[in-house]
């Protein structure tokens, strides 16, 4: 079968368990023509650790025939190829190793960069946020409480992530580094890392299903919408800006200008004094009247509220029975005085007979 008859899915798939063969001395027996070298600076606080682990660094680089040197006076590490170096990419890996060591990555993790399937990425985050307080908050959000967010990211991407100062150092496979960079950049753009971690977890489960390899995963992935933050409350008193004019404001009139306008400036001194005295007297008279009114207020009695008269409705003659009322009054009087009834009943015949007997 020709290549053109193959399906696109067959071309993209890689056989399971396939590994690229390692680069040996037989592949390049003559070695390299030119010497290549790289150097990097490291901070002062890293000096003690580098002195301690330097024999291990030399041993690890010696296996790939790379010479390393540590300069404590200048504060720099340099690596260069030798005549025995056969792998041309070994110097690039050595450069990445010294970069990671300078960025506070421990030697146990940094030495993994010398493996074939490993790569590293140093993400600069210092210039992404201008405000320093906001930058510190977002960097802490990436680490999470007790480093839980960073640990979850490491487990999902199979990468080692180290947040140090203004950089994030990541070490792992290429696919994982791609995801780490995306999460870090989104976090600095004020997108919480938990959203990206959630999508990574779903992708991890979907990749296990062989039927979904060809299909699109968009329907399974969550879609997070940006919530509009409430606008700032506007002030009650708005200061209205005046229209811009190129001309300066008119100069305020002085006392002399006002006198010239009214004609007082040309009057005699005696007339001016008389006029001033009249004005003072008028003001004094107004003040006296005001004071007198305030004093008289104390002697003015307050207004009394009018008393409300109780309106008694006259009884209607038609409704009341006068005879019935009279009888009631008579009965009440009789009960009080203990008088005998007006028409006593005649004694019965039986009682008279009993008395005779």
Protein backbone atom coordinates (compact mmCIF):
# COMPACT_ATOMS: atom_id res chain seq x y z
CA UNK A 1 0.00 0.00 0.00
CA UNK A 2 1.24 3.50 -0.83
CA UNK A 3 1.47 6.33 1.74
CA UNK A 4 -1.43 8.21 0.11
CA UNK A 5 -3.86 5.32 0.74
CA UNK A 6 -3.27 5.41 4.53
CA UNK A 7 -5.81 7.06 6.82
CA UNK A 8 -4.87 10.29 8.58
CA UNK A 9 -5.47 8.67 12.02
CA UNK A 10 -2.92 5.93 11.21
CA UNK A 11 -0.28 8.50 10.29
CA UNK A 12 -0.68 10.45 13.53
CA UNK A 13 -0.61 7.49 15.93
CA UNK A 14 2.69 6.35 17.45
CA UNK A 15 3.08 2.66 18.32
CA UNK A 16 2.80 1.94 22.06
CA UNK A 17 6.11 1.37 23.83
CA UNK A 18 8.17 2.85 20.96
CA UNK A 19 11.33 4.68 21.99
CA UNK A 20 13.86 6.60 19.97
CA UNK A 21 17.27 4.81 19.91
CA UNK A 22 19.95 6.43 22.05
CA UNK A 23 22.78 8.39 20.43
CA UNK A 24 26.03 6.41 20.81
CA UNK A 25 29.70 6.96 19.90
CA UNK A 26 29.26 4.78 16.79
CA UNK A 27 26.89 7.41 15.35
CA UNK A 28 29.62 10.11 15.48
CA UNK A 29 33.05 8.42 15.81
CA UNK A 30 35.12 11.44 14.73
CA UNK A 31 33.69 13.84 17.36
CA UNK A 32 33.08 17.59 17.01
CA UNK A 33 35.10 20.06 14.93
CA UNK A 34 34.66 23.19 17.06
CA UNK A 35 34.50 23.82 20.80
CA UNK A 36 31.19 25.14 22.12
CA UNK A 37 30.76 26.78 25.54
CA UNK A 38 28.02 28.38 27.64
CA UNK A 39 28.15 30.34 30.90
CA UNK A 40 25.56 31.63 33.36
CA UNK A 41 25.61 33.74 36.55
CA UNK A 42 24.13 32.58 39.86
CA UNK A 43 22.99 34.57 42.94
CA UNK A 44 25.10 34.86 46.10
CA UNK A 45 22.72 32.75 48.26
CA UNK A 46 23.17 29.81 45.85
CA UNK A 47 26.97 29.69 46.33
CA UNK A 48 27.03 27.37 49.38
CA UNK A 49 24.74 24.78 47.75
CA UNK A 50 26.71 24.75 44.47
CA UNK A 51 30.02 24.24 46.33
CA UNK A 52 28.49 21.28 48.15
CA UNK A 53 27.04 19.50 45.08
CA UNK A 54 29.73 20.48 42.52
CA UNK A 55 31.55 17.07 42.52
CA UNK A 56 28.21 15.42 41.57
CA UNK A 57 27.67 17.95 38.75
CA UNK A 58 31.17 17.26 37.34
CA UNK A 59 30.59 13.52 37.50
CA UNK A 60 27.19 13.76 35.72
CA UNK A 61 28.61 15.97 32.94
CA UNK A 62 31.77 13.84 32.69
CA UNK A 63 29.66 10.89 31.45
CA UNK A 64 28.80 12.92 28.33
CA UNK A 65 32.39 14.28 28.07
CA UNK A 66 31.47 17.86 29.01
CA UNK A 67 33.86 19.98 31.07
CA UNK A 68 32.30 22.22 33.78
CA UNK A 69 33.92 24.98 35.84
CA UNK A 70 32.64 26.97 38.87
CA UNK A 71 33.93 30.52 39.42
CA UNK A 72 33.01 31.74 42.91
CA UNK A 73 34.76 35.12 42.53
CA UNK A 74 32.68 36.19 39.50
CA UNK A 75 29.69 34.06 40.55
CA UNK A 76 29.36 32.12 37.30
CA UNK A 77 29.19 28.53 36.00
CA UNK A 78 30.52 27.59 32.56
CA UNK A 79 30.37 24.40 30.48
CA UNK A 80 32.31 23.51 27.29
CA UNK A 81 32.83 20.56 24.96
CA UNK A 82 36.03 18.50 24.83
CA UNK A 83 37.78 16.46 22.13
CA UNK A 84 36.08 13.31 23.42
CA UNK A 85 32.52 14.76 23.10
CA UNK A 86 30.61 12.88 20.41
CA UNK A 87 26.99 13.98 21.09
CA UNK A 88 26.44 17.48 19.60
CA UNK A 89 23.28 18.06 21.70
CA UNK A 90 25.03 17.26 24.99
CA UNK A 91 26.30 20.85 25.35
CA UNK A 92 22.70 22.18 25.06
CA UNK A 93 21.62 19.84 27.86
CA UNK A 94 24.60 20.95 29.96
CA UNK A 95 23.59 24.59 29.39
CA UNK A 96 20.05 23.82 30.61
CA UNK A 97 21.49 22.04 33.66
CA UNK A 98 23.54 25.05 34.81
CA UNK A 99 20.53 27.33 34.17
CA UNK A 100 18.32 25.21 36.42
CA UNK A 101 20.96 25.03 39.15
CA UNK A 102 21.22 28.85 39.10
CA UNK A 103 17.40 29.11 39.41
CA UNK A 104 17.33 27.20 42.78
CA UNK A 105 16.35 23.81 41.30
CA UNK A 106 17.90 21.01 43.43
CA UNK A 107 20.59 18.87 41.75
CA UNK A 108 18.52 15.63 42.09
CA UNK A 109 15.86 17.14 39.81
CA UNK A 110 18.12 19.21 37.52
CA UNK A 111 20.30 16.19 36.56
CA UNK A 112 17.25 14.60 34.85
CA UNK A 113 17.68 17.13 31.99
CA UNK A 114 20.57 14.98 30.68
CA UNK A 115 18.02 12.27 29.72
CA UNK A 116 16.78 12.12 26.11
CA UNK A 117 13.02 12.48 26.76
CA UNK A 118 13.42 15.42 29.18
CA UNK A 119 13.30 19.15 28.49
CA UNK A 120 13.13 22.32 30.58
CA UNK A 121 11.38 25.67 30.37
CA UNK A 122 12.15 28.80 32.40
CA UNK A 123 9.08 31.08 32.33
CA UNK A 124 9.66 34.75 33.14
CA UNK A 125 6.68 36.16 35.08
CA UNK A 126 8.23 39.33 36.56
CA UNK A 127 7.10 41.68 33.78
CA UNK A 128 3.55 40.30 33.33
CA UNK A 129 2.03 42.24 36.26
CA UNK A 130 2.97 45.84 37.00
CA UNK A 131 1.64 46.14 40.56
CA UNK A 132 4.00 44.37 42.98
CA UNK A 133 1.33 43.42 45.55
CA UNK A 134 -0.90 41.95 42.82
CA UNK A 135 2.07 40.03 41.40
CA UNK A 136 2.87 38.46 44.81
CA UNK A 137 -0.80 37.47 45.30
CA UNK A 138 -1.02 35.78 41.89
CA UNK A 139 2.30 34.00 42.35
CA UNK A 140 1.07 32.68 45.73
CA UNK A 141 -2.17 31.57 44.01
CA UNK A 142 -0.05 29.44 41.65
CA UNK A 143 1.67 27.74 44.62
CA UNK A 144 -1.59 27.30 46.57
CA UNK A 145 -2.15 26.57 50.27
CA UNK A 146 0.82 24.48 51.50
CA UNK A 147 1.89 23.99 47.83
CA UNK A 148 -1.22 21.92 46.99
CA UNK A 149 -1.96 23.63 43.62
CA UNK A 150 1.65 23.22 42.46
CA UNK A 151 1.64 19.54 43.53
CA UNK A 152 -1.59 18.89 41.57
CA UNK A 153 -0.05 20.54 38.49
CA UNK A 154 3.08 18.38 38.83
CA UNK A 155 1.03 15.17 39.06
CA UNK A 156 -1.12 16.01 36.01
CA UNK A 157 1.76 17.14 33.74
CA UNK A 158 4.51 14.76 35.02
CA UNK A 159 6.77 17.80 35.39
CA UNK A 160 8.81 19.27 38.24
CA UNK A 161 7.80 22.93 38.80
CA UNK A 162 9.80 25.40 40.88
CA UNK A 163 8.55 28.95 41.58
CA UNK A 164 11.47 31.19 42.50
CA UNK A 165 11.48 35.01 42.47
CA UNK A 166 10.48 36.34 39.04
CA UNK A 167 10.72 32.99 37.21
CA UNK A 168 9.02 29.58 37.13
CA UNK A 169 11.33 26.68 36.25
CA UNK A 170 9.70 23.55 34.80
CA UNK A 171 11.36 20.23 33.99
CA UNK A 172 9.69 17.28 32.27
CA UNK A 173 8.36 15.93 28.95
CA UNK A 174 7.50 18.35 26.11
CA UNK A 175 3.71 17.89 26.33
CA UNK A 176 3.76 18.57 30.08
CA UNK A 177 5.89 21.72 29.69
CA UNK A 178 3.37 23.09 27.20
CA UNK A 179 0.55 22.70 29.75
CA UNK A 180 2.64 24.15 32.60
CA UNK A 181 3.44 27.28 30.56
CA UNK A 182 -0.28 27.75 29.73
CA UNK A 183 -1.35 27.42 33.39
CA UNK A 184 1.38 29.81 34.61
CA UNK A 185 0.59 32.48 31.99
CA UNK A 186 -3.17 32.24 32.66
CA UNK A 187 -2.61 32.56 36.42
CA UNK A 188 -0.65 35.77 35.92
CA UNK A 189 -3.52 37.01 33.70
CA UNK A 190 -5.89 36.60 36.70
CA UNK A 191 -7.38 33.20 35.66
CA UNK A 192 -7.40 30.87 38.65
CA UNK A 193 -5.23 27.73 38.15
CA UNK A 194 -8.03 25.48 39.47
CA UNK A 195 -9.94 25.90 36.16
CA UNK A 196 -6.97 24.70 34.09
CA UNK A 197 -6.32 21.84 36.54
CA UNK A 198 -9.94 20.72 36.13
CA UNK A 199 -9.61 20.62 32.32
CA UNK A 200 -6.31 18.71 32.60
CA UNK A 201 -7.99 16.09 34.81
CA UNK A 202 -10.79 15.62 32.25
CA UNK A 203 -8.27 15.38 29.38
CA UNK A 204 -6.31 12.76 31.31
CA UNK A 205 -9.43 10.58 31.64
CA UNK A 206 -10.43 11.08 28.00
CA UNK A 207 -6.96 10.07 26.72
CA UNK A 208 -7.44 6.60 28.27
CA UNK A 209 -10.36 5.87 25.89
CA UNK A 210 -9.01 4.72 22.48
CA UNK A 211 -12.33 5.49 20.70
CA UNK A 212 -12.09 9.22 21.56
CA UNK A 213 -8.61 9.73 20.05
CA UNK A 214 -10.01 10.77 16.65
CA UNK A 215 -13.02 12.73 18.03
CA UNK A 216 -13.12 16.31 19.28
CA UNK A 217 -13.10 16.75 23.09
CA UNK A 218 -14.77 20.16 23.18
CA UNK A 219 -18.14 18.77 24.31
CA UNK A 220 -16.54 17.18 27.39
CA UNK A 221 -14.40 20.13 28.48
CA UNK A 222 -15.95 22.75 30.82
CA UNK A 223 -16.56 26.26 29.54
CA UNK A 224 -15.85 28.94 32.14
CA UNK A 225 -17.36 32.35 31.58
CA UNK A 226 -15.85 35.57 32.82
CA UNK A 227 -18.09 37.23 35.39
CA UNK A 228 -18.47 40.95 34.93
CA UNK A 229 -17.16 42.68 38.03
CA UNK A 230 -19.54 45.27 39.49
CA UNK A 231 -18.72 48.75 38.33
CA UNK A 232 -17.38 51.29 40.78
CA UNK A 233 -20.06 53.39 42.43
CA UNK A 234 -20.26 56.84 40.99
CA UNK A 235 -19.94 59.79 43.39
CA UNK A 236 -23.05 61.77 44.34
CA UNK A 237 -21.50 65.13 43.53
CA UNK A 238 -20.01 65.10 40.08
CA UNK A 239 -17.55 67.83 39.27
CA UNK A 240 -18.52 69.15 35.85
CA UNK A 241 -15.52 70.25 33.86
CA UNK A 242 -15.80 73.63 32.22
CA UNK A 243 -15.29 73.98 28.51
CA UNK A 244 -11.72 74.67 27.53
CA UNK A 245 -11.00 78.18 26.31
CA UNK A 246 -7.57 79.40 25.19
CA UNK A 247 -8.19 82.84 26.73
CA UNK A 248 -7.37 83.48 30.41
CA UNK A 249 -10.21 84.42 32.84
CA UNK A 250 -11.02 88.16 33.20
CA UNK A 251 -9.11 89.99 35.93
CA UNK A 252 -11.27 90.76 39.02
CA UNK A 253 -12.17 94.45 39.49
CA UNK A 254 -10.24 96.34 42.13
CA UNK A 255 -11.75 98.82 44.64
CA UNK A 256 -10.64 101.78 42.53
CA UNK A 257 -12.26 100.28 39.40
CA UNK A 258 -15.57 99.87 41.24
CA UNK A 259 -15.42 103.48 42.51
CA UNK A 260 -14.70 104.72 38.98
CA UNK A 261 -17.69 102.77 37.63
CA UNK A 262 -20.09 104.26 40.25
CA UNK A 263 -18.51 107.74 40.13
CA UNK A 264 -17.51 107.78 43.82
CA UNK A 265 -13.88 108.21 42.90
CA UNK A 266 -14.46 111.83 41.77
CA UNK A 267 -16.35 112.93 44.93
CA UNK A 268 -14.74 115.06 47.64
CA UNK A 269 -13.35 113.57 50.84
CA UNK A 270 -16.06 115.18 53.00
CA UNK A 271 -18.82 113.80 50.75
CA UNK A 272 -17.23 110.35 50.83
CA UNK A 273 -17.05 110.40 54.64
CA UNK A 274 -20.69 111.52 54.90
CA UNK A 275 -21.77 108.75 52.56
CA UNK A 276 -19.83 106.15 54.57
CA UNK A 277 -21.38 107.38 57.83
CA UNK A 278 -24.87 107.13 56.32
CA UNK A 279 -24.19 103.55 55.24
CA UNK A 280 -22.91 102.68 58.74
CA UNK A 281 -26.01 104.22 60.35
CA UNK A 282 -28.34 102.26 58.05
CA UNK A 283 -26.53 99.02 58.94
CA UNK A 284 -26.71 99.84 62.66
CA UNK A 285 -30.46 100.55 62.43
CA UNK A 286 -31.03 97.17 60.66
CA UNK A 287 -29.01 95.35 63.33
CA UNK A 288 -30.97 97.08 66.14
CA UNK A 289 -34.32 96.11 64.66
CA UNK A 290 -33.20 92.48 64.29
CA UNK A 291 -32.03 92.35 67.92
CA UNK A 292 -35.28 93.94 69.14
CA UNK A 293 -37.34 91.38 67.22
CA UNK A 294 -35.34 88.51 68.78
CA UNK A 295 -35.90 89.95 72.29
CA UNK A 296 -39.65 90.42 71.72
CA UNK A 297 -40.01 86.80 70.62
CA UNK A 298 -39.65 85.69 74.27
CA UNK A 299 -42.73 87.76 75.29
CA UNK A 300 -45.04 86.54 72.53
CA UNK A 301 -47.30 83.78 73.97
CA UNK A 302 -47.54 80.59 72.00
CA UNK A 303 -50.72 79.85 70.12
CA UNK A 304 -53.05 77.54 72.05
CA UNK A 305 -54.80 74.74 70.31
CA UNK A 306 -58.65 75.11 70.31
CA UNK A 307 -60.52 72.67 72.58
CA UNK A 308 -62.69 70.16 70.80
CA UNK A 309 -66.35 70.33 71.97
CA UNK A 310 -68.10 67.03 72.60
CA UNK A 311 -71.17 66.81 70.41
CA UNK A 312 -74.07 65.04 72.14
CA UNK A 313 -76.76 63.76 69.93
CA UNK A 314 -80.33 64.54 71.12
CA UNK A 315 -82.37 61.39 71.61
CA UNK A 316 -85.07 60.90 69.08
CA UNK A 317 -88.62 60.86 70.48
CA UNK A 318 -89.85 58.21 68.17
CA UNK A 319 -87.44 55.53 69.31
CA UNK A 320 -87.82 55.94 73.15
CA UNK A 321 -90.83 54.49 75.01
CA UNK A 322 -91.48 56.97 77.90
CA UNK A 323 -94.12 54.80 79.67
CA UNK A 324 -91.78 51.83 79.87
CA UNK A 325 -89.05 54.03 81.42
CA UNK A 326 -91.49 55.35 84.05
CA UNK A 327 -92.48 51.82 85.13
CA UNK A 328 -88.82 50.83 85.46
CA UNK A 329 -88.09 53.85 87.68
CA UNK A 330 -91.11 53.01 89.93
CA UNK A 331 -89.99 49.38 90.36
CA UNK A 332 -86.48 50.50 91.27
CA UNK A 333 -87.81 52.88 93.93
CA UNK A 334 -90.03 50.18 95.42
CA UNK A 335 -87.10 47.78 95.76
CA UNK A 336 -84.94 50.39 97.49
CA UNK A 337 -87.59 51.58 100.06
CA UNK A 338 -89.14 48.12 100.75
CA UNK A 339 -92.74 49.46 100.34
CA UNK A 340 -95.65 47.11 99.72
CA UNK A 341 -96.97 46.82 96.19
CA UNK A 342 -99.58 49.40 95.15
CA UNK A 343 -102.32 46.81 94.33
CA UNK A 344 -101.88 43.94 96.79
CA UNK A 345 -103.46 40.65 95.81
CA UNK A 346 -106.66 39.58 97.85
CA UNK A 347 -106.04 36.79 100.37
CA UNK A 348 -107.24 33.38 99.30
CA UNK A 349 -110.14 31.56 101.10
CA UNK A 350 -108.03 28.60 102.18
CA UNK A 351 -105.76 30.77 104.33
CA UNK A 352 -108.75 32.27 106.24
CA UNK A 353 -110.10 28.82 107.07
CA UNK A 354 -106.78 27.72 108.51
CA UNK A 355 -106.68 30.78 110.79
CA UNK A 356 -110.21 30.05 112.13
CA UNK A 357 -109.33 26.48 113.00
